[in-house]
Amino acid sequence: MPRKSLWWAAGVVAGLVLGFASRPAAANGKYYIRIAETEEATGLKSGMADEAKKLLRDELAKRPQFVLDDKMPDDPDKLAGELKKRNLRGYKVFVRLTKVSTEVLPPKQGRPYKQLSATVRADIIGVTLPGEVMALGGDGESSSMTEISGKPRDEEVSQLKQEALKDALSQAVDKALLKLAQGFMTPPAEKPRKKK
């Protein structure tokens, strides 16, 4: 193929790739998500609230069903109109951290080093937008572990906690998405009891 034709073909392919990449997420999205501030269980002070919010956004962004648009209106009526126009269901979602812990464990059999373990348990809670009616939830728990030769270093602890939190949130998002796909479950009507 002549060099000029080759460059033209490459330009067409690049244009197609950029065109697909620049399509708005709402093209395939079903659920608009507004992420609220992280909450923690009573007595828990993990220092991971901001990190949990960021990682939740990262996890949601991986899934095409979710639309993360910071330019959506705050006014409930305008938001409802925009959601209807874009055929989306809206939810306000936040992370609730219920457990963040670390512990040093004995060495594995045949190994000379102790083990440092971090465990994180997290819930995802969501309410409808507008309206704020409880609508979805999911939970996850994960542990991350590494061998240490001495006293645990702060960077080791931080990295393990982050890994465990990321996996716990991935589990929680998967469960929440499954519940959304199943839709709202209406309990069956209670059958009248027969009189004795």
C-alpha atoms as a PDB file:
ATOM      1  CA  MET A   1       0.000   0.000   0.000  1.00  0.00           C
ATOM      2  CA  PRO A   2       1.409   3.481  -0.866  1.00  0.00           C
ATOM      3  CA  ARG A   3       2.544   5.520   2.114  1.00  0.00           C
ATOM      4  CA  LYS A   4      -0.141   8.184   1.525  1.00  0.00           C
ATOM      5  CA  SER A   5      -2.923   5.586   1.518  1.00  0.00           C
ATOM      6  CA  LEU A   6      -1.477   3.934   4.600  1.00  0.00           C
ATOM      7  CA  TRP A   7      -1.571   7.204   6.546  1.00  0.00           C
ATOM      8  CA  TRP A   8      -5.125   7.870   5.360  1.00  0.00           C
ATOM      9  CA  ALA A   9      -6.278   4.424   6.546  1.00  0.00           C
ATOM     10  CA  ALA A  10      -4.548   4.914   9.897  1.00  0.00           C
ATOM     11  CA  GLY A  11      -6.283   8.277  10.266  1.00  0.00           C
ATOM     12  CA  VAL A  12      -9.694   6.720   9.623  1.00  0.00           C
ATOM     13  CA  VAL A  13      -9.113   3.994  12.209  1.00  0.00           C
ATOM     14  CA  ALA A  14      -7.892   6.535  14.763  1.00  0.00           C
ATOM     15  CA  GLY A  15     -10.937   8.695  14.102  1.00  0.00           C
ATOM     16  CA  LEU A  16     -13.290   5.764  14.667  1.00  0.00           C
ATOM     17  CA  VAL A  17     -11.556   4.819  17.914  1.00  0.00           C
ATOM     18  CA  LEU A  18     -11.707   8.388  19.216  1.00  0.00           C
ATOM     19  CA  GLY A  19     -15.330   8.644  18.159  1.00  0.00           C
ATOM     20  CA  PHE A  20     -16.333   5.575  20.150  1.00  0.00           C
ATOM     21  CA  ALA A  21     -14.251   6.677  23.140  1.00  0.00           C
ATOM     22  CA  SER A  22     -15.859  10.104  23.193  1.00  0.00           C
ATOM     23  CA  ARG A  23     -19.455   8.836  23.254  1.00  0.00           C
ATOM     24  CA  PRO A  24     -21.279   9.857  26.435  1.00  0.00           C
ATOM     25  CA  ALA A  25     -21.598   7.189  29.120  1.00  0.00           C
ATOM     26  CA  ALA A  26     -25.357   7.655  29.123  1.00  0.00           C
ATOM     27  CA  ALA A  27     -25.556   5.984  25.705  1.00  0.00           C
ATOM     28  CA  ASN A  28     -25.477   2.603  27.445  1.00  0.00           C
ATOM     29  CA  GLY A  29     -26.123   3.706  31.006  1.00  0.00           C
ATOM     30  CA  LYS A  30     -29.224   2.890  32.995  1.00  0.00           C
ATOM     31  CA  TYR A  31     -28.522   4.382  36.419  1.00  0.00           C
ATOM     32  CA  TYR A  32     -27.367   7.885  37.255  1.00  0.00           C
ATOM     33  CA  ILE A  33     -25.298   7.856  40.449  1.00  0.00           C
ATOM     34  CA  ARG A  34     -24.538  10.783  42.737  1.00  0.00           C
ATOM     35  CA  ILE A  35     -21.948   9.807  45.342  1.00  0.00           C
ATOM     36  CA  ALA A  36     -22.472  11.173  48.850  1.00  0.00           C
ATOM     37  CA  GLU A  37     -20.000  11.383  51.728  1.00  0.00           C
ATOM     38  CA  THR A  38     -18.770   8.187  53.373  1.00  0.00           C
ATOM     39  CA  GLU A  39     -20.157   7.149  56.735  1.00  0.00           C
ATOM     40  CA  GLU A  40     -18.531   4.987  59.408  1.00  0.00           C
ATOM     41  CA  ALA A  41     -19.950   2.706  62.050  1.00  0.00           C
ATOM     42  CA  THR A  42     -20.142   4.091  65.564  1.00  0.00           C
ATOM     43  CA  GLY A  43     -16.689   4.187  67.133  1.00  0.00           C
ATOM     44  CA  LEU A  44     -14.852   3.514  63.859  1.00  0.00           C
ATOM     45  CA  LYS A  45     -12.247   6.099  62.855  1.00  0.00           C
ATOM     46  CA  SER A  46     -10.482   4.506  59.918  1.00  0.00           C
ATOM     47  CA  GLY A  47      -9.164   7.620  58.194  1.00  0.00           C
ATOM     48  CA  MET A  48     -10.349   6.068  54.919  1.00  0.00           C
ATOM     49  CA  ALA A  49     -13.565   8.001  54.280  1.00  0.00           C
ATOM     50  CA  ASP A  50     -12.196  10.051  51.384  1.00  0.00           C
ATOM     51  CA  GLU A  51     -10.421   7.028  49.931  1.00  0.00           C
ATOM     52  CA  ALA A  52     -13.642   4.984  50.076  1.00  0.00           C
ATOM     53  CA  LYS A  53     -15.536   7.672  48.150  1.00  0.00           C
ATOM     54  CA  LYS A  54     -12.840   7.812  45.462  1.00  0.00           C
ATOM     55  CA  LEU A  55     -12.607   4.033  45.125  1.00  0.00           C
ATOM     56  CA  LEU A  56     -16.394   3.742  44.910  1.00  0.00           C
ATOM     57  CA  ARG A  57     -16.367   6.162  41.992  1.00  0.00           C
ATOM     58  CA  ASP A  58     -13.601   4.143  40.332  1.00  0.00           C
ATOM     59  CA  GLU A  59     -15.562   0.912  40.741  1.00  0.00           C
ATOM     60  CA  LEU A  60     -18.769   2.431  39.368  1.00  0.00           C
ATOM     61  CA  ALA A  61     -16.918   3.951  36.411  1.00  0.00           C
ATOM     62  CA  LYS A  62     -15.786   0.480  35.318  1.00  0.00           C
ATOM     63  CA  ARG A  63     -19.380  -0.585  34.706  1.00  0.00           C
ATOM     64  CA  PRO A  64     -21.241   0.865  31.697  1.00  0.00           C
ATOM     65  CA  GLN A  65     -24.612   0.594  33.454  1.00  0.00           C
ATOM     66  CA  PHE A  66     -23.701   3.522  35.724  1.00  0.00           C
ATOM     67  CA  VAL A  67     -23.599   7.165  34.676  1.00  0.00           C
ATOM     68  CA  LEU A  68     -21.445   9.549  36.721  1.00  0.00           C
ATOM     69  CA  ASP A  69     -22.254  13.067  35.556  1.00  0.00           C
ATOM     70  CA  ASP A  70     -21.258  15.943  37.825  1.00  0.00           C
ATOM     71  CA  LYS A  71     -23.181  18.435  35.667  1.00  0.00           C
ATOM     72  CA  MET A  72     -26.646  17.084  36.483  1.00  0.00           C
ATOM     73  CA  PRO A  73     -28.889  19.703  38.159  1.00  0.00           C
ATOM     74  CA  ASP A  74     -29.309  19.740  41.943  1.00  0.00           C
ATOM     75  CA  ASP A  75     -32.897  21.013  41.830  1.00  0.00           C
ATOM     76  CA  PRO A  76     -35.192  17.953  42.284  1.00  0.00           C
ATOM     77  CA  ASP A  77     -37.676  18.986  39.580  1.00  0.00           C
ATOM     78  CA  LYS A  78     -34.971  19.786  37.038  1.00  0.00           C
ATOM     79  CA  LEU A  79     -33.150  16.571  37.922  1.00  0.00           C
ATOM     80  CA  ALA A  80     -36.325  14.519  37.449  1.00  0.00           C
ATOM     81  CA  GLY A  81     -36.822  16.119  34.027  1.00  0.00           C
ATOM     82  CA  GLU A  82     -33.241  15.454  32.966  1.00  0.00           C
ATOM     83  CA  LEU A  83     -33.389  11.841  34.118  1.00  0.00           C
ATOM     84  CA  LYS A  84     -36.630  11.315  32.197  1.00  0.00           C
ATOM     85  CA  LYS A  85     -35.156  12.896  29.069  1.00  0.00           C
ATOM     86  CA  ARG A  86     -32.101  10.634  29.244  1.00  0.00           C
ATOM     87  CA  ASN A  87     -34.108   7.558  30.271  1.00  0.00           C
ATOM     88  CA  LEU A  88     -32.151   7.104  33.491  1.00  0.00           C
ATOM     89  CA  ARG A  89     -33.027   6.140  37.045  1.00  0.00           C
ATOM     90  CA  GLY A  90     -31.285   8.269  39.646  1.00  0.00           C
ATOM     91  CA  TYR A  91     -29.729   7.243  42.956  1.00  0.00           C
ATOM     92  CA  LYS A  92     -27.680   8.877  45.681  1.00  0.00           C
ATOM     93  CA  VAL A  93     -25.161   6.324  46.935  1.00  0.00           C
ATOM     94  CA  PHE A  94     -22.650   6.284  49.751  1.00  0.00           C
ATOM     95  CA  VAL A  95     -20.239   3.897  51.428  1.00  0.00           C
ATOM     96  CA  ARG A  96     -20.644   2.867  55.045  1.00  0.00           C
ATOM     97  CA  LEU A  97     -17.490   1.415  56.533  1.00  0.00           C
ATOM     98  CA  THR A  98     -18.296  -1.073  59.282  1.00  0.00           C
ATOM     99  CA  LYS A  99     -14.902  -2.657  59.907  1.00  0.00           C
ATOM    100  CA  VAL A 100     -11.305  -1.661  59.245  1.00  0.00           C
ATOM    101  CA  SER A 101      -8.730  -3.642  61.175  1.00  0.00           C
ATOM    102  CA  THR A 102      -5.185  -4.961  61.033  1.00  0.00           C
ATOM    103  CA  GLU A 103      -3.459  -7.751  62.896  1.00  0.00           C
ATOM    104  CA  VAL A 104      -0.120  -9.510  62.955  1.00  0.00           C
ATOM    105  CA  LEU A 105      -0.408 -13.278  62.538  1.00  0.00           C
ATOM    106  CA  PRO A 106       2.099 -16.085  63.134  1.00  0.00           C
ATOM    107  CA  PRO A 107       4.228 -17.225  60.194  1.00  0.00           C
ATOM    108  CA  LYS A 108       2.827 -19.777  57.792  1.00  0.00           C
ATOM    109  CA  GLN A 109       4.166 -23.282  58.242  1.00  0.00           C
ATOM    110  CA  GLY A 110       7.662 -23.447  56.848  1.00  0.00           C
ATOM    111  CA  ARG A 111       8.029 -19.652  56.568  1.00  0.00           C
ATOM    112  CA  PRO A 112      10.194 -17.488  58.860  1.00  0.00           C
ATOM    113  CA  TYR A 113       8.192 -14.254  58.595  1.00  0.00           C
ATOM    114  CA  LYS A 114       5.088 -13.117  60.401  1.00  0.00           C
ATOM    115  CA  GLN A 115       2.012 -12.085  58.427  1.00  0.00           C
ATOM    116  CA  LEU A 116       0.354  -8.677  58.428  1.00  0.00           C
ATOM    117  CA  SER A 117      -3.343  -8.828  57.631  1.00  0.00           C
ATOM    118  CA  ALA A 118      -5.829  -6.025  56.927  1.00  0.00           C
ATOM    119  CA  THR A 119      -9.589  -6.593  56.826  1.00  0.00           C
ATOM    120  CA  VAL A 120     -12.227  -4.167  55.549  1.00  0.00           C
ATOM    121  CA  ARG A 121     -16.001  -4.558  55.579  1.00  0.00           C
ATOM    122  CA  ALA A 122     -18.067  -2.034  53.631  1.00  0.00           C
ATOM    123  CA  ASP A 123     -21.712  -1.501  52.733  1.00  0.00           C
ATOM    124  CA  ILE A 124     -23.112   0.475  49.814  1.00  0.00           C
ATOM    125  CA  ILE A 125     -26.421   2.192  50.498  1.00  0.00           C
ATOM    126  CA  GLY A 126     -28.502   4.017  47.916  1.00  0.00           C
ATOM    127  CA  VAL A 127     -31.674   6.098  47.865  1.00  0.00           C
ATOM    128  CA  THR A 128     -33.709   7.270  44.900  1.00  0.00           C
ATOM    129  CA  LEU A 129     -33.173  10.639  43.251  1.00  0.00           C
ATOM    130  CA  PRO A 130     -35.318  12.596  43.586  1.00  0.00           C
ATOM    131  CA  GLY A 131     -37.275  11.433  46.622  1.00  0.00           C
ATOM    132  CA  GLU A 132     -34.550   9.745  48.695  1.00  0.00           C
ATOM    133  CA  VAL A 133     -36.411   6.484  49.232  1.00  0.00           C
ATOM    134  CA  MET A 134     -34.248   3.515  50.227  1.00  0.00           C
ATOM    135  CA  ALA A 135     -33.680   1.625  46.999  1.00  0.00           C
ATOM    136  CA  LEU A 136     -30.496  -0.432  46.856  1.00  0.00           C
ATOM    137  CA  GLY A 137     -27.681  -1.926  48.859  1.00  0.00           C
ATOM    138  CA  GLY A 138     -24.719  -4.234  48.723  1.00  0.00           C
ATOM    139  CA  ASP A 139     -21.979  -5.366  51.048  1.00  0.00           C
ATOM    140  CA  GLY A 140     -18.483  -6.740  50.794  1.00  0.00           C
ATOM    141  CA  GLU A 141     -15.653  -7.911  53.005  1.00  0.00           C
ATOM    142  CA  SER A 142     -12.066  -8.592  52.071  1.00  0.00           C
ATOM    143  CA  SER A 143      -8.703  -9.269  53.674  1.00  0.00           C
ATOM    144  CA  SER A 144      -5.267  -8.546  52.272  1.00  0.00           C
ATOM    145  CA  MET A 145      -2.075 -10.076  53.638  1.00  0.00           C
ATOM    146  CA  THR A 146       1.691  -9.796  53.332  1.00  0.00           C
ATOM    147  CA  GLU A 147       4.757 -11.123  55.117  1.00  0.00           C
ATOM    148  CA  ILE A 148       6.776  -8.800  57.346  1.00  0.00           C
ATOM    149  CA  SER A 149      10.215  -9.203  58.890  1.00  0.00           C
ATOM    150  CA  GLY A 150       9.804  -6.697  61.696  1.00  0.00           C
ATOM    151  CA  LYS A 151       7.425  -4.020  62.913  1.00  0.00           C
ATOM    152  CA  PRO A 152       4.712  -3.161  60.353  1.00  0.00           C
ATOM    153  CA  ARG A 153       5.497  -0.001  58.412  1.00  0.00           C
ATOM    154  CA  ASP A 154       2.845   2.645  57.902  1.00  0.00           C
ATOM    155  CA  GLU A 155       3.040   2.338  54.110  1.00  0.00           C
ATOM    156  CA  GLU A 156       2.545  -1.430  54.312  1.00  0.00           C
ATOM    157  CA  VAL A 157      -0.523  -1.037  56.510  1.00  0.00           C
ATOM    158  CA  SER A 158      -1.960   1.673  54.268  1.00  0.00           C
ATOM    159  CA  GLN A 159      -1.462  -0.367  51.109  1.00  0.00           C
ATOM    160  CA  LEU A 160      -3.064  -3.480  52.585  1.00  0.00           C
ATOM    161  CA  LYS A 161      -6.078  -1.521  53.807  1.00  0.00           C
ATOM    162  CA  GLN A 162      -6.500   0.073  50.404  1.00  0.00           C
ATOM    163  CA  GLU A 163      -6.333  -3.302  48.641  1.00  0.00           C
ATOM    164  CA  ALA A 164      -8.894  -4.795  51.012  1.00  0.00           C
ATOM    165  CA  LEU A 165     -11.195  -1.768  50.665  1.00  0.00           C
ATOM    166  CA  LYS A 166     -11.015  -1.873  46.877  1.00  0.00           C
ATOM    167  CA  ASP A 167     -11.994  -5.550  46.784  1.00  0.00           C
ATOM    168  CA  ALA A 168     -14.757  -5.109  49.376  1.00  0.00           C
ATOM    169  CA  LEU A 169     -16.266  -2.264  47.335  1.00  0.00           C
ATOM    170  CA  SER A 170     -16.058  -4.304  44.147  1.00  0.00           C
ATOM    171  CA  GLN A 171     -18.087  -7.040  45.840  1.00  0.00           C
ATOM    172  CA  ALA A 172     -20.602  -4.519  47.151  1.00  0.00           C
ATOM    173  CA  VAL A 173     -21.069  -2.854  43.754  1.00  0.00           C
ATOM    174  CA  ASP A 174     -21.627  -6.224  42.073  1.00  0.00           C
ATOM    175  CA  LYS A 175     -24.338  -7.086  44.612  1.00  0.00           C
ATOM    176  CA  ALA A 176     -25.975  -3.673  44.273  1.00  0.00           C
ATOM    177  CA  LEU A 177     -26.006  -3.991  40.486  1.00  0.00           C
ATOM    178  CA  LEU A 178     -27.613  -7.413  40.723  1.00  0.00           C
ATOM    179  CA  LYS A 179     -30.361  -6.040  42.958  1.00  0.00           C
ATOM    180  CA  LEU A 180     -30.952  -3.167  40.543  1.00  0.00           C
ATOM    181  CA  ALA A 181     -31.237  -5.594  37.640  1.00  0.00           C
ATOM    182  CA  GLN A 182     -33.765  -7.680  39.565  1.00  0.00           C
ATOM    183  CA  GLY A 183     -35.880  -4.613  40.265  1.00  0.00           C
ATOM    184  CA  PHE A 184     -37.994  -3.929  43.316  1.00  0.00           C
ATOM    185  CA  MET A 185     -39.386  -7.065  44.915  1.00  0.00           C
ATOM    186  CA  THR A 186     -42.998  -6.737  45.988  1.00  0.00           C
ATOM    187  CA  PRO A 187     -43.921  -9.142  48.804  1.00  0.00           C
ATOM    188  CA  PRO A 188     -46.802 -11.459  47.943  1.00  0.00           C
ATOM    189  CA  ALA A 189     -50.186 -10.599  49.355  1.00  0.00           C
ATOM    190  CA  GLU A 190     -51.021 -12.510  52.495  1.00  0.00           C
ATOM    191  CA  LYS A 191     -53.685 -15.127  51.917  1.00  0.00           C
ATOM    192  CA  PRO A 192     -56.756 -14.848  54.129  1.00  0.00           C
ATOM    193  CA  ARG A 193     -56.747 -17.309  56.974  1.00  0.00           C
ATOM    194  CA  LYS A 194     -59.450 -19.881  57.151  1.00  0.00           C
ATOM    195  CA  LYS A 195     -61.719 -19.581  60.125  1.00  0.00           C
ATOM    196  CA  LYS A 196     -61.759 -22.579  62.377  1.00  0.00           C
END
